[in-house]
Amino acid sequence: MIGFIISVVVLAVSLLIISKLPIGVEIDNPVIALIAGAIIGAFNSIYQIFPNWFRTFNAIVSIGLIPLIGSIIVFGLAAWLVEGFRLRNGVISAILGALALSFVNSILFFILRQVGIIA
């Protein structure tokens, strides 16, 4: 449960950072970012139900397209579900936002691992 809460907070911070970039992702306030982070985290945890070999096989066979499309769908779905989280340019913003989210999220989790907050 603590891991999910940390993940939601990191996702929210990532979303707030992404909303400052000129890629068409708009978030009204930090509370909206937390709600969107919780939704994205919940959908990502559903993906974790599949066995690791299945996820790896799909990523290799599709050259990473299946996980990327899944991330784009989850990003767009979160924007559709949360009032105050908008994609100004539609699908283009969803694609750029999903890519930016994975990049910023990776950097933030790397920093948290280096500091020792997470293992």
PDB file of N, CA and C in Angstrom:
ATOM      1  N   MET A   1       0.823  -1.191   0.000  1.00  0.00           N
ATOM      2  CA  MET A   1       0.000   0.000   0.000  1.00  0.00           C
ATOM      3  C   MET A   1       0.873   1.264   0.000  1.00  0.00           C
ATOM      4  N   ILE A   2       1.951   1.241   0.777  1.00  0.00           N
ATOM      5  CA  ILE A   2       2.855   2.391   0.804  1.00  0.00           C
ATOM      6  C   ILE A   2       3.494   2.584  -0.570  1.00  0.00           C
ATOM      7  N   GLY A   3       3.825   1.477  -1.237  1.00  0.00           N
ATOM      8  CA  GLY A   3       4.404   1.563  -2.575  1.00  0.00           C
ATOM      9  C   GLY A   3       3.457   2.223  -3.565  1.00  0.00           C
ATOM     10  N   PHE A   4       2.165   1.899  -3.452  1.00  0.00           N
ATOM     11  CA  PHE A   4       1.177   2.515  -4.340  1.00  0.00           C
ATOM     12  C   PHE A   4       1.058   4.009  -4.059  1.00  0.00           C
ATOM     13  N   ILE A   5       1.085   4.393  -2.797  1.00  0.00           N
ATOM     14  CA  ILE A   5       0.985   5.816  -2.435  1.00  0.00           C
ATOM     15  C   ILE A   5       2.202   6.584  -2.957  1.00  0.00           C
ATOM     16  N   ILE A   6       3.392   6.004  -2.797  1.00  0.00           N
ATOM     17  CA  ILE A   6       4.597   6.650  -3.330  1.00  0.00           C
ATOM     18  C   ILE A   6       4.493   6.778  -4.846  1.00  0.00           C
ATOM     19  N   SER A   7       4.005   5.726  -5.493  1.00  0.00           N
ATOM     20  CA  SER A   7       3.848   5.754  -6.943  1.00  0.00           C
ATOM     21  C   SER A   7       2.869   6.836  -7.379  1.00  0.00           C
ATOM     22  N   VAL A   8       1.761   6.987  -6.655  1.00  0.00           N
ATOM     23  CA  VAL A   8       0.767   8.015  -6.987  1.00  0.00           C
ATOM     24  C   VAL A   8       1.369   9.408  -6.831  1.00  0.00           C
ATOM     25  N   VAL A   9       2.113   9.623  -5.760  1.00  0.00           N
ATOM     26  CA  VAL A   9       2.723  10.943  -5.540  1.00  0.00           C
ATOM     27  C   VAL A   9       3.761  11.241  -6.624  1.00  0.00           C
ATOM     28  N   VAL A  10       4.575  10.245  -6.976  1.00  0.00           N
ATOM     29  CA  VAL A  10       5.573  10.450  -8.029  1.00  0.00           C
ATOM     30  C   VAL A  10       4.884  10.709  -9.369  1.00  0.00           C
ATOM     31  N   LEU A  11       3.811   9.969  -9.655  1.00  0.00           N
ATOM     32  CA  LEU A  11       3.057  10.215 -10.886  1.00  0.00           C
ATOM     33  C   LEU A  11       2.469  11.624 -10.897  1.00  0.00           C
ATOM     34  N   ALA A  12       1.961  12.073  -9.753  1.00  0.00           N
ATOM     35  CA  ALA A  12       1.386  13.420  -9.674  1.00  0.00           C
ATOM     36  C   ALA A  12       2.448  14.485  -9.920  1.00  0.00           C
ATOM     37  N   VAL A  13       3.615  14.316  -9.315  1.00  0.00           N
ATOM     38  CA  VAL A  13       4.704  15.274  -9.543  1.00  0.00           C
ATOM     39  C   VAL A  13       5.129  15.237 -11.011  1.00  0.00           C
ATOM     40  N   SER A  14       5.203  14.039 -11.583  1.00  0.00           N
ATOM     41  CA  SER A  14       5.550  13.915 -12.999  1.00  0.00           C
ATOM     42  C   SER A  14       4.524  14.620 -13.876  1.00  0.00           C
ATOM     43  N   LEU A  15       3.248  14.449 -13.566  1.00  0.00           N
ATOM     44  CA  LEU A  15       2.195  15.107 -14.346  1.00  0.00           C
ATOM     45  C   LEU A  15       2.282  16.623 -14.229  1.00  0.00           C
ATOM     46  N   LEU A  16       2.590  17.115 -13.038  1.00  0.00           N
ATOM     47  CA  LEU A  16       2.736  18.564 -12.872  1.00  0.00           C
ATOM     48  C   LEU A  16       3.927  19.094 -13.673  1.00  0.00           C
ATOM     49  N   ILE A  17       5.014  18.340 -13.700  1.00  0.00           N
ATOM     50  CA  ILE A  17       6.173  18.747 -14.502  1.00  0.00           C
ATOM     51  C   ILE A  17       5.810  18.741 -15.985  1.00  0.00           C
ATOM     52  N   ILE A  18       5.129  17.682 -16.431  1.00  0.00           N
ATOM     53  CA  ILE A  18       4.748  17.568 -17.838  1.00  0.00           C
ATOM     54  C   ILE A  18       3.790  18.680 -18.245  1.00  0.00           C
ATOM     55  N   SER A  19       2.931  19.098 -17.325  1.00  0.00           N
ATOM     56  CA  SER A  19       1.966  20.154 -17.669  1.00  0.00           C
ATOM     57  C   SER A  19       2.652  21.494 -17.926  1.00  0.00           C
ATOM     58  N   LYS A  20       3.884  21.643 -17.483  1.00  0.00           N
ATOM     59  CA  LYS A  20       4.635  22.876 -17.741  1.00  0.00           C
ATOM     60  C   LYS A  20       5.345  22.843 -19.095  1.00  0.00           C
ATOM     61  N   LEU A  21       5.424  21.677 -19.717  1.00  0.00           N
ATOM     62  CA  LEU A  21       6.050  21.547 -21.032  1.00  0.00           C
ATOM     63  C   LEU A  21       5.039  21.910 -22.120  1.00  0.00           C
ATOM     64  N   PRO A  22       5.498  22.393 -23.265  1.00  0.00           N
ATOM     65  CA  PRO A  22       4.567  22.805 -24.327  1.00  0.00           C
ATOM     66  C   PRO A  22       4.124  21.644 -25.223  1.00  0.00           C
ATOM     67  N   ILE A  23       3.548  20.592 -24.615  1.00  0.00           N
ATOM     68  CA  ILE A  23       3.111  19.439 -25.408  1.00  0.00           C
ATOM     69  C   ILE A  23       1.598  19.272 -25.402  1.00  0.00           C
ATOM     70  N   GLY A  24       0.887  20.178 -24.762  1.00  0.00           N
ATOM     71  CA  GLY A  24      -0.567  20.140 -24.805  1.00  0.00           C
ATOM     72  C   GLY A  24      -1.233  19.426 -23.649  1.00  0.00           C
ATOM     73  N   VAL A  25      -0.509  19.144 -22.580  1.00  0.00           N
ATOM     74  CA  VAL A  25      -1.091  18.525 -21.389  1.00  0.00           C
ATOM     75  C   VAL A  25      -1.362  19.631 -20.383  1.00  0.00           C
ATOM     76  N   GLU A  26      -2.617  19.735 -19.949  1.00  0.00           N
ATOM     77  CA  GLU A  26      -2.999  20.785 -19.003  1.00  0.00           C
ATOM     78  C   GLU A  26      -3.592  20.158 -17.747  1.00  0.00           C
ATOM     79  N   ILE A  27      -3.101  20.599 -16.589  1.00  0.00           N
ATOM     80  CA  ILE A  27      -3.616  20.150 -15.296  1.00  0.00           C
ATOM     81  C   ILE A  27      -3.891  21.391 -14.470  1.00  0.00           C
ATOM     82  N   ASP A  28      -5.111  21.471 -13.912  1.00  0.00           N
ATOM     83  CA  ASP A  28      -5.531  22.681 -13.212  1.00  0.00           C
ATOM     84  C   ASP A  28      -4.804  22.915 -11.896  1.00  0.00           C
ATOM     85  N   ASN A  29      -4.655  21.862 -11.071  1.00  0.00           N
ATOM     86  CA  ASN A  29      -4.030  22.042  -9.761  1.00  0.00           C
ATOM     87  C   ASN A  29      -3.430  20.719  -9.275  1.00  0.00           C
ATOM     88  N   PRO A  30      -2.664  20.742  -8.192  1.00  0.00           N
ATOM     89  CA  PRO A  30      -2.024  19.523  -7.693  1.00  0.00           C
ATOM     90  C   PRO A  30      -3.001  18.430  -7.252  1.00  0.00           C
ATOM     91  N   VAL A  31      -4.182  18.810  -6.785  1.00  0.00           N
ATOM     92  CA  VAL A  31      -5.167  17.792  -6.383  1.00  0.00           C
ATOM     93  C   VAL A  31      -5.611  16.989  -7.601  1.00  0.00           C
ATOM     94  N   ILE A  32      -5.834  17.677  -8.711  1.00  0.00           N
ATOM     95  CA  ILE A  32      -6.194  16.999  -9.956  1.00  0.00           C
ATOM     96  C   ILE A  32      -5.057  16.067 -10.380  1.00  0.00           C
ATOM     97  N   ALA A  33      -3.818  16.508 -10.211  1.00  0.00           N
ATOM     98  CA  ALA A  33      -2.664  15.671 -10.553  1.00  0.00           C
ATOM     99  C   ALA A  33      -2.626  14.418  -9.678  1.00  0.00           C
ATOM    100  N   LEU A  34      -2.962  14.545  -8.389  1.00  0.00           N
ATOM    101  CA  LEU A  34      -3.011  13.369  -7.507  1.00  0.00           C
ATOM    102  C   LEU A  34      -4.094  12.392  -7.943  1.00  0.00           C
ATOM    103  N   ILE A  35      -5.255  12.909  -8.301  1.00  0.00           N
ATOM    104  CA  ILE A  35      -6.349  12.039  -8.750  1.00  0.00           C
ATOM    105  C   ILE A  35      -5.956  11.332 -10.046  1.00  0.00           C
ATOM    106  N   ALA A  36      -5.393  12.086 -10.984  1.00  0.00           N
ATOM    107  CA  ALA A  36      -4.950  11.488 -12.246  1.00  0.00           C
ATOM    108  C   ALA A  36      -3.834  10.474 -12.001  1.00  0.00           C
ATOM    109  N   GLY A  37      -2.927  10.779 -11.081  1.00  0.00           N
ATOM    110  CA  GLY A  37      -1.867   9.839 -10.736  1.00  0.00           C
ATOM    111  C   GLY A  37      -2.413   8.551 -10.148  1.00  0.00           C
ATOM    112  N   ALA A  38      -3.459   8.662  -9.328  1.00  0.00           N
ATOM    113  CA  ALA A  38      -4.084   7.470  -8.752  1.00  0.00           C
ATOM    114  C   ALA A  38      -4.741   6.623  -9.838  1.00  0.00           C
ATOM    115  N   ILE A  39      -5.386   7.268 -10.794  1.00  0.00           N
ATOM    116  CA  ILE A  39      -6.032   6.523 -11.880  1.00  0.00           C
ATOM    117  C   ILE A  39      -4.984   5.846 -12.764  1.00  0.00           C
ATOM    118  N   ILE A  40      -3.947   6.571 -13.121  1.00  0.00           N
ATOM    119  CA  ILE A  40      -2.885   5.984 -13.945  1.00  0.00           C
ATOM    120  C   ILE A  40      -2.200   4.849 -13.186  1.00  0.00           C
ATOM    121  N   GLY A  41      -1.947   5.050 -11.891  1.00  0.00           N
ATOM    122  CA  GLY A  41      -1.339   4.002 -11.075  1.00  0.00           C
ATOM    123  C   GLY A  41      -2.212   2.767 -10.967  1.00  0.00           C
ATOM    124  N   ALA A  42      -3.530   2.966 -10.853  1.00  0.00           N
ATOM    125  CA  ALA A  42      -4.447   1.828 -10.769  1.00  0.00           C
ATOM    126  C   ALA A  42      -4.452   1.039 -12.076  1.00  0.00           C
ATOM    127  N   PHE A  43      -4.499   1.741 -13.204  1.00  0.00           N
ATOM    128  CA  PHE A  43      -4.466   1.047 -14.489  1.00  0.00           C
ATOM    129  C   PHE A  43      -3.125   0.352 -14.716  1.00  0.00           C
ATOM    130  N   ASN A  44      -2.043   0.958 -14.287  1.00  0.00           N
ATOM    131  CA  ASN A  44      -0.732   0.323 -14.418  1.00  0.00           C
ATOM    132  C   ASN A  44      -0.621  -0.914 -13.536  1.00  0.00           C
ATOM    133  N   SER A  45      -1.265  -0.894 -12.372  1.00  0.00           N
ATOM    134  CA  SER A  45      -1.218  -2.073 -11.508  1.00  0.00           C
ATOM    135  C   SER A  45      -2.021  -3.222 -12.103  1.00  0.00           C
ATOM    136  N   ILE A  46      -3.046  -2.911 -12.890  1.00  0.00           N
ATOM    137  CA  ILE A  46      -3.781  -3.970 -13.585  1.00  0.00           C
ATOM    138  C   ILE A  46      -2.862  -4.661 -14.589  1.00  0.00           C
ATOM    139  N   TYR A  47      -2.019  -3.884 -15.254  1.00  0.00           N
ATOM    140  CA  TYR A  47      -1.061  -4.451 -16.209  1.00  0.00           C
ATOM    141  C   TYR A  47      -0.065  -5.371 -15.504  1.00  0.00           C
ATOM    142  N   GLN A  48       0.235  -5.093 -14.242  1.00  0.00           N
ATOM    143  CA  GLN A  48       1.194  -5.901 -13.492  1.00  0.00           C
ATOM    144  C   GLN A  48       0.640  -7.276 -13.131  1.00  0.00           C
ATOM    145  N   ILE A  49      -0.677  -7.488 -13.320  1.00  0.00           N
ATOM    146  CA  ILE A  49      -1.274  -8.789 -13.030  1.00  0.00           C
ATOM    147  C   ILE A  49      -0.728  -9.858 -13.975  1.00  0.00           C
ATOM    148  N   PHE A  50      -0.455  -9.459 -15.224  1.00  0.00           N
ATOM    149  CA  PHE A  50       0.054 -10.416 -16.196  1.00  0.00           C
ATOM    150  C   PHE A  50       1.443 -10.887 -15.783  1.00  0.00           C
ATOM    151  N   PRO A  51       1.757 -12.156 -16.056  1.00  0.00           N
ATOM    152  CA  PRO A  51       3.094 -12.655 -15.692  1.00  0.00           C
ATOM    153  C   PRO A  51       4.200 -11.880 -16.409  1.00  0.00           C
ATOM    154  N   ASN A  52       5.353 -11.829 -15.783  1.00  0.00           N
ATOM    155  CA  ASN A  52       6.477 -11.066 -16.324  1.00  0.00           C
ATOM    156  C   ASN A  52       6.916 -11.590 -17.689  1.00  0.00           C
ATOM    157  N   TRP A  53       6.900 -12.903 -17.875  1.00  0.00           N
ATOM    158  CA  TRP A  53       7.316 -13.462 -19.160  1.00  0.00           C
ATOM    159  C   TRP A  53       6.368 -13.019 -20.269  1.00  0.00           C
ATOM    160  N   PHE A  54       5.084 -12.884 -19.971  1.00  0.00           N
ATOM    161  CA  PHE A  54       4.095 -12.459 -20.969  1.00  0.00           C
ATOM    162  C   PHE A  54       4.319 -11.006 -21.372  1.00  0.00           C
ATOM    163  N   ARG A  55       4.578 -10.147 -20.378  1.00  0.00           N
ATOM    164  CA  ARG A  55       4.826  -8.733 -20.674  1.00  0.00           C
ATOM    165  C   ARG A  55       6.112  -8.568 -21.473  1.00  0.00           C
ATOM    166  N   THR A  56       7.148  -9.312 -21.101  1.00  0.00           N
ATOM    167  CA  THR A  56       8.423  -9.227 -21.810  1.00  0.00           C
ATOM    168  C   THR A  56       8.281  -9.736 -23.237  1.00  0.00           C
ATOM    169  N   PHE A  57       7.573 -10.849 -23.404  1.00  0.00           N
ATOM    170  CA  PHE A  57       7.362 -11.416 -24.739  1.00  0.00           C
ATOM    171  C   PHE A  57       6.632 -10.424 -25.642  1.00  0.00           C
ATOM    172  N   ASN A  58       5.566  -9.814 -25.129  1.00  0.00           N
ATOM    173  CA  ASN A  58       4.821  -8.830 -25.924  1.00  0.00           C
ATOM    174  C   ASN A  58       5.684  -7.627 -26.277  1.00  0.00           C
ATOM    175  N   ALA A  59       6.488  -7.171 -25.343  1.00  0.00           N
ATOM    176  CA  ALA A  59       7.337  -6.006 -25.600  1.00  0.00           C
ATOM    177  C   ALA A  59       8.392  -6.317 -26.655  1.00  0.00           C
ATOM    178  N   ILE A  60       8.940  -7.525 -26.623  1.00  0.00           N
ATOM    179  CA  ILE A  60       9.973  -7.894 -27.593  1.00  0.00           C
ATOM    180  C   ILE A  60       9.370  -8.120 -28.973  1.00  0.00           C
ATOM    181  N   VAL A  61       8.278  -8.878 -29.040  1.00  0.00           N
ATOM    182  CA  VAL A  61       7.665  -9.200 -30.327  1.00  0.00           C
ATOM    183  C   VAL A  61       7.145  -7.944 -31.020  1.00  0.00           C
ATOM    184  N   SER A  62       6.570  -7.037 -30.266  1.00  0.00           N
ATOM    185  CA  SER A  62       5.984  -5.832 -30.874  1.00  0.00           C
ATOM    186  C   SER A  62       6.977  -4.675 -30.942  1.00  0.00           C
ATOM    187  N   ILE A  63       8.227  -4.922 -30.588  1.00  0.00           N
ATOM    188  CA  ILE A  63       9.273  -3.894 -30.550  1.00  0.00           C
ATOM    189  C   ILE A  63       8.841  -2.735 -29.647  1.00  0.00           C
ATOM    190  N   GLY A  64       8.151  -3.058 -28.583  1.00  0.00           N
ATOM    191  CA  GLY A  64       7.751  -2.050 -27.608  1.00  0.00           C
ATOM    192  C   GLY A  64       6.473  -1.307 -27.930  1.00  0.00           C
ATOM    193  N   LEU A  65       5.804  -1.659 -29.024  1.00  0.00           N
ATOM    194  CA  LEU A  65       4.600  -0.920 -29.407  1.00  0.00           C
ATOM    195  C   LEU A  65       3.401  -1.219 -28.511  1.00  0.00           C
ATOM    196  N   ILE A  66       3.244  -2.466 -28.071  1.00  0.00           N
ATOM    197  CA  ILE A  66       2.092  -2.801 -27.228  1.00  0.00           C
ATOM    198  C   ILE A  66       2.153  -2.055 -25.898  1.00  0.00           C
ATOM    199  N   PRO A  67       3.283  -2.058 -25.171  1.00  0.00           N
ATOM    200  CA  PRO A  67       3.325  -1.256 -23.939  1.00  0.00           C
ATOM    201  C   PRO A  67       3.149   0.242 -24.201  1.00  0.00           C
ATOM    202  N   LEU A  68       3.680   0.741 -25.315  1.00  0.00           N
ATOM    203  CA  LEU A  68       3.532   2.158 -25.640  1.00  0.00           C
ATOM    204  C   LEU A  68       2.072   2.504 -25.912  1.00  0.00           C
ATOM    205  N   ILE A  69       1.394   1.676 -26.696  1.00  0.00           N
ATOM    206  CA  ILE A  69      -0.022   1.924 -26.981  1.00  0.00           C
ATOM    207  C   ILE A  69      -0.837   1.834 -25.701  1.00  0.00           C
ATOM    208  N   GLY A  70      -0.500   0.875 -24.834  1.00  0.00           N
ATOM    209  CA  GLY A  70      -1.190   0.780 -23.548  1.00  0.00           C
ATOM    210  C   GLY A  70      -1.001   2.031 -22.713  1.00  0.00           C
ATOM    211  N   SER A  71       0.209   2.568 -22.698  1.00  0.00           N
ATOM    212  CA  SER A  71       0.475   3.798 -21.940  1.00  0.00           C
ATOM    213  C   SER A  71      -0.289   4.984 -22.512  1.00  0.00           C
ATOM    214  N   ILE A  72      -0.365   5.059 -23.834  1.00  0.00           N
ATOM    215  CA  ILE A  72      -1.104   6.151 -24.469  1.00  0.00           C
ATOM    216  C   ILE A  72      -2.587   6.057 -24.136  1.00  0.00           C
ATOM    217  N   ILE A  73      -3.133   4.845 -24.174  1.00  0.00           N
ATOM    218  CA  ILE A  73      -4.550   4.656 -23.849  1.00  0.00           C
ATOM    219  C   ILE A  73      -4.819   5.018 -22.398  1.00  0.00           C
ATOM    220  N   VAL A  74      -3.963   4.568 -21.485  1.00  0.00           N
ATOM    221  CA  VAL A  74      -4.145   4.880 -20.060  1.00  0.00           C
ATOM    222  C   VAL A  74      -4.042   6.382 -19.818  1.00  0.00           C
ATOM    223  N   PHE A  75      -3.093   7.043 -20.472  1.00  0.00           N
ATOM    224  CA  PHE A  75      -2.925   8.490 -20.318  1.00  0.00           C
ATOM    225  C   PHE A  75      -4.168   9.225 -20.822  1.00  0.00           C
ATOM    226  N   GLY A  76      -4.651   8.841 -21.996  1.00  0.00           N
ATOM    227  CA  GLY A  76      -5.848   9.464 -22.545  1.00  0.00           C
ATOM    228  C   GLY A  76      -7.087   9.168 -21.720  1.00  0.00           C
ATOM    229  N   LEU A  77      -7.196   7.947 -21.208  1.00  0.00           N
ATOM    230  CA  LEU A  77      -8.343   7.579 -20.380  1.00  0.00           C
ATOM    231  C   LEU A  77      -8.357   8.367 -19.078  1.00  0.00           C
ATOM    232  N   ALA A  78      -7.192   8.566 -18.489  1.00  0.00           N
ATOM    233  CA  ALA A  78      -7.118   9.373 -17.264  1.00  0.00           C
ATOM    234  C   ALA A  78      -7.541  10.807 -17.541  1.00  0.00           C
ATOM    235  N   ALA A  79      -7.126  11.349 -18.688  1.00  0.00           N
ATOM    236  CA  ALA A  79      -7.530  12.716 -19.043  1.00  0.00           C
ATOM    237  C   ALA A  79      -9.031  12.798 -19.286  1.00  0.00           C
ATOM    238  N   TRP A  80      -9.601  11.735 -19.830  1.00  0.00           N
ATOM    239  CA  TRP A  80     -11.041  11.709 -20.089  1.00  0.00           C
ATOM    240  C   TRP A  80     -11.837  11.588 -18.785  1.00  0.00           C
ATOM    241  N   LEU A  81     -11.318  10.837 -17.821  1.00  0.00           N
ATOM    242  CA  LEU A  81     -12.038  10.594 -16.568  1.00  0.00           C
ATOM    243  C   LEU A  81     -11.925  11.732 -15.563  1.00  0.00           C
ATOM    244  N   VAL A  82     -10.832  12.474 -15.585  1.00  0.00           N
ATOM    245  CA  VAL A  82     -10.574  13.480 -14.553  1.00  0.00           C
ATOM    246  C   VAL A  82     -10.878  14.869 -15.102  1.00  0.00           C
ATOM    247  N   GLU A  83     -11.823  15.529 -14.477  1.00  0.00           N
ATOM    248  CA  GLU A  83     -12.142  16.913 -14.837  1.00  0.00           C
ATOM    249  C   GLU A  83     -10.994  17.807 -14.370  1.00  0.00           C
ATOM    250  N   GLY A  84     -10.454  18.597 -15.266  1.00  0.00           N
ATOM    251  CA  GLY A  84      -9.327  19.456 -14.934  1.00  0.00           C
ATOM    252  C   GLY A  84      -8.007  18.932 -15.468  1.00  0.00           C
ATOM    253  N   PHE A  85      -8.036  17.770 -16.127  1.00  0.00           N
ATOM    254  CA  PHE A  85      -6.862  17.190 -16.779  1.00  0.00           C
ATOM    255  C   PHE A  85      -7.224  17.083 -18.258  1.00  0.00           C
ATOM    256  N   ARG A  86      -6.604  17.925 -19.079  1.00  0.00           N
ATOM    257  CA  ARG A  86      -6.984  18.029 -20.482  1.00  0.00           C
ATOM    258  C   ARG A  86      -5.800  17.765 -21.403  1.00  0.00           C
ATOM    259  N   LEU A  87      -6.134  17.232 -22.569  1.00  0.00           N
ATOM    260  CA  LEU A  87      -5.164  17.060 -23.640  1.00  0.00           C
ATOM    261  C   LEU A  87      -5.568  18.021 -24.752  1.00  0.00           C
ATOM    262  N   ARG A  88      -4.850  19.112 -24.869  1.00  0.00           N
ATOM    263  CA  ARG A  88      -5.213  20.184 -25.795  1.00  0.00           C
ATOM    264  C   ARG A  88      -5.184  19.721 -27.246  1.00  0.00           C
ATOM    265  N   ASN A  89      -4.234  18.880 -27.622  1.00  0.00           N
ATOM    266  CA  ASN A  89      -4.072  18.456 -29.013  1.00  0.00           C
ATOM    267  C   ASN A  89      -4.517  17.021 -29.254  1.00  0.00           C
ATOM    268  N   GLY A  90      -5.376  16.489 -28.404  1.00  0.00           N
ATOM    269  CA  GLY A  90      -5.934  15.152 -28.600  1.00  0.00           C
ATOM    270  C   GLY A  90      -4.900  14.044 -28.525  1.00  0.00           C
ATOM    271  N   VAL A  91      -4.891  13.225 -29.570  1.00  0.00           N
ATOM    272  CA  VAL A  91      -4.037  12.038 -29.580  1.00  0.00           C
ATOM    273  C   VAL A  91      -2.553  12.410 -29.558  1.00  0.00           C
ATOM    274  N   ILE A  92      -2.191  13.486 -30.232  1.00  0.00           N
ATOM    275  CA  ILE A  92      -0.784  13.916 -30.236  1.00  0.00           C
ATOM    276  C   ILE A  92      -0.331  14.239 -28.813  1.00  0.00           C
ATOM    277  N   SER A  93      -1.182  14.936 -28.068  1.00  0.00           N
ATOM    278  CA  SER A  93      -0.843  15.247 -26.673  1.00  0.00           C
ATOM    279  C   SER A  93      -0.777  13.981 -25.834  1.00  0.00           C
ATOM    280  N   ALA A  94      -1.646  12.995 -26.121  1.00  0.00           N
ATOM    281  CA  ALA A  94      -1.615  11.736 -25.380  1.00  0.00           C
ATOM    282  C   ALA A  94      -0.316  10.983 -25.654  1.00  0.00           C
ATOM    283  N   ILE A  95       0.113  10.966 -26.906  1.00  0.00           N
ATOM    284  CA  ILE A  95       1.358  10.274 -27.261  1.00  0.00           C
ATOM    285  C   ILE A  95       2.554  10.956 -26.603  1.00  0.00           C
ATOM    286  N   LEU A  96       2.651  12.273 -26.784  1.00  0.00           N
ATOM    287  CA  LEU A  96       3.774  13.007 -26.193  1.00  0.00           C
ATOM    288  C   LEU A  96       3.723  12.965 -24.669  1.00  0.00           C
ATOM    289  N   GLY A  97       2.520  13.050 -24.099  1.00  0.00           N
ATOM    290  CA  GLY A  97       2.373  12.999 -22.650  1.00  0.00           C
ATOM    291  C   GLY A  97       2.772  11.655 -22.076  1.00  0.00           C
ATOM    292  N   ALA A  98       2.382  10.564 -22.746  1.00  0.00           N
ATOM    293  CA  ALA A  98       2.748   9.229 -22.266  1.00  0.00           C
ATOM    294  C   ALA A  98       4.259   9.020 -22.337  1.00  0.00           C
ATOM    295  N   LEU A  99       4.875   9.486 -23.422  1.00  0.00           N
ATOM    296  CA  LEU A  99       6.333   9.370 -23.535  1.00  0.00           C
ATOM    297  C   LEU A  99       7.036  10.215 -22.473  1.00  0.00           C
ATOM    298  N   ALA A 100       6.565  11.444 -22.299  1.00  0.00           N
ATOM    299  CA  ALA A 100       7.171  12.327 -21.295  1.00  0.00           C
ATOM    300  C   ALA A 100       6.953  11.782 -19.888  1.00  0.00           C
ATOM    301  N   LEU A 101       5.767  11.207 -19.639  1.00  0.00           N
ATOM    302  CA  LEU A 101       5.482  10.650 -18.316  1.00  0.00           C
ATOM    303  C   LEU A 101       6.434   9.505 -17.994  1.00  0.00           C
ATOM    304  N   SER A 102       6.675   8.628 -18.945  1.00  0.00           N
ATOM    305  CA  SER A 102       7.589   7.519 -18.667  1.00  0.00           C
ATOM    306  C   SER A 102       9.012   8.023 -18.426  1.00  0.00           C
ATOM    307  N   PHE A 103       9.423   9.043 -19.169  1.00  0.00           N
ATOM    308  CA  PHE A 103      10.769   9.600 -19.014  1.00  0.00           C
ATOM    309  C   PHE A 103      10.928  10.301 -17.662  1.00  0.00           C
ATOM    310  N   VAL A 104      10.009  11.204 -17.337  1.00  0.00           N
ATOM    311  CA  VAL A 104      10.091  11.960 -16.074  1.00  0.00           C
ATOM    312  C   VAL A 104       9.921  11.023 -14.883  1.00  0.00           C
ATOM    313  N   ASN A 105       8.991  10.067 -15.005  1.00  0.00           N
ATOM    314  CA  ASN A 105       8.758   9.104 -13.932  1.00  0.00           C
ATOM    315  C   ASN A 105      10.018   8.278 -13.664  1.00  0.00           C
ATOM    316  N   SER A 106      10.698   7.857 -14.718  1.00  0.00           N
ATOM    317  CA  SER A 106      11.933   7.084 -14.557  1.00  0.00           C
ATOM    318  C   SER A 106      13.001   7.896 -13.834  1.00  0.00           C
ATOM    319  N   ILE A 107      13.132   9.154 -14.203  1.00  0.00           N
ATOM    320  CA  ILE A 107      14.122  10.016 -13.546  1.00  0.00           C
ATOM    321  C   ILE A 107      13.793  10.191 -12.065  1.00  0.00           C
ATOM    322  N   LEU A 108      12.528  10.455 -11.754  1.00  0.00           N
ATOM    323  CA  LEU A 108      12.144  10.661 -10.349  1.00  0.00           C
ATOM    324  C   LEU A 108      12.344   9.394  -9.523  1.00  0.00           C
ATOM    325  N   PHE A 109      11.977   8.226 -10.074  1.00  0.00           N
ATOM    326  CA  PHE A 109      12.191   6.983  -9.334  1.00  0.00           C
ATOM    327  C   PHE A 109      13.684   6.679  -9.182  1.00  0.00           C
ATOM    328  N   PHE A 110      14.495   7.023 -10.177  1.00  0.00           N
ATOM    329  CA  PHE A 110      15.946   6.856 -10.058  1.00  0.00           C
ATOM    330  C   PHE A 110      16.483   7.702  -8.910  1.00  0.00           C
ATOM    331  N   ILE A 111      16.028   8.944  -8.830  1.00  0.00           N
ATOM    332  CA  ILE A 111      16.467   9.835  -7.744  1.00  0.00           C
ATOM    333  C   ILE A 111      16.034   9.277  -6.394  1.00  0.00           C
ATOM    334  N   LEU A 112      14.793   8.789  -6.290  1.00  0.00           N
ATOM    335  CA  LEU A 112      14.311   8.229  -5.022  1.00  0.00           C
ATOM    336  C   LEU A 112      15.105   6.990  -4.622  1.00  0.00           C
ATOM    337  N   ARG A 113      15.511   6.176  -5.602  1.00  0.00           N
ATOM    338  CA  ARG A 113      16.347   5.008  -5.287  1.00  0.00           C
ATOM    339  C   ARG A 113      17.732   5.432  -4.818  1.00  0.00           C
ATOM    340  N   GLN A 114      18.306   6.447  -5.446  1.00  0.00           N
ATOM    341  CA  GLN A 114      19.641   6.913  -5.069  1.00  0.00           C
ATOM    342  C   GLN A 114      19.656   7.522  -3.675  1.00  0.00           C
ATOM    343  N   VAL A 115      18.581   8.211  -3.322  1.00  0.00           N
ATOM    344  CA  VAL A 115      18.485   8.833  -2.000  1.00  0.00           C
ATOM    345  C   VAL A 115      18.197   7.786  -0.929  1.00  0.00           C
ATOM    346  N   GLY A 116      17.592   6.663  -1.334  1.00  0.00           N
ATOM    347  CA  GLY A 116      17.291   5.598  -0.392  1.00  0.00           C
ATOM    348  C   GLY A 116      15.869   5.599   0.118  1.00  0.00           C
ATOM    349  N   ILE A 117      15.000   6.371  -0.511  1.00  0.00           N
ATOM    350  CA  ILE A 117      13.604   6.402  -0.072  1.00  0.00           C
ATOM    351  C   ILE A 117      12.887   5.127  -0.486  1.00  0.00           C
ATOM    352  N   ILE A 118      13.214   4.606  -1.671  1.00  0.00           N
ATOM    353  CA  ILE A 118      12.646   3.332  -2.106  1.00  0.00           C
ATOM    354  C   ILE A 118      13.785   2.381  -2.423  1.00  0.00           C
ATOM    355  N   ALA A 119      13.458   1.103  -2.415  1.00  0.00           N
ATOM    356  CA  ALA A 119      14.495   0.085  -2.657  1.00  0.00           C
ATOM    357  C   ALA A 119      14.656  -0.218  -4.117  1.00  0.00           C
TER     358      ALA A 119
END
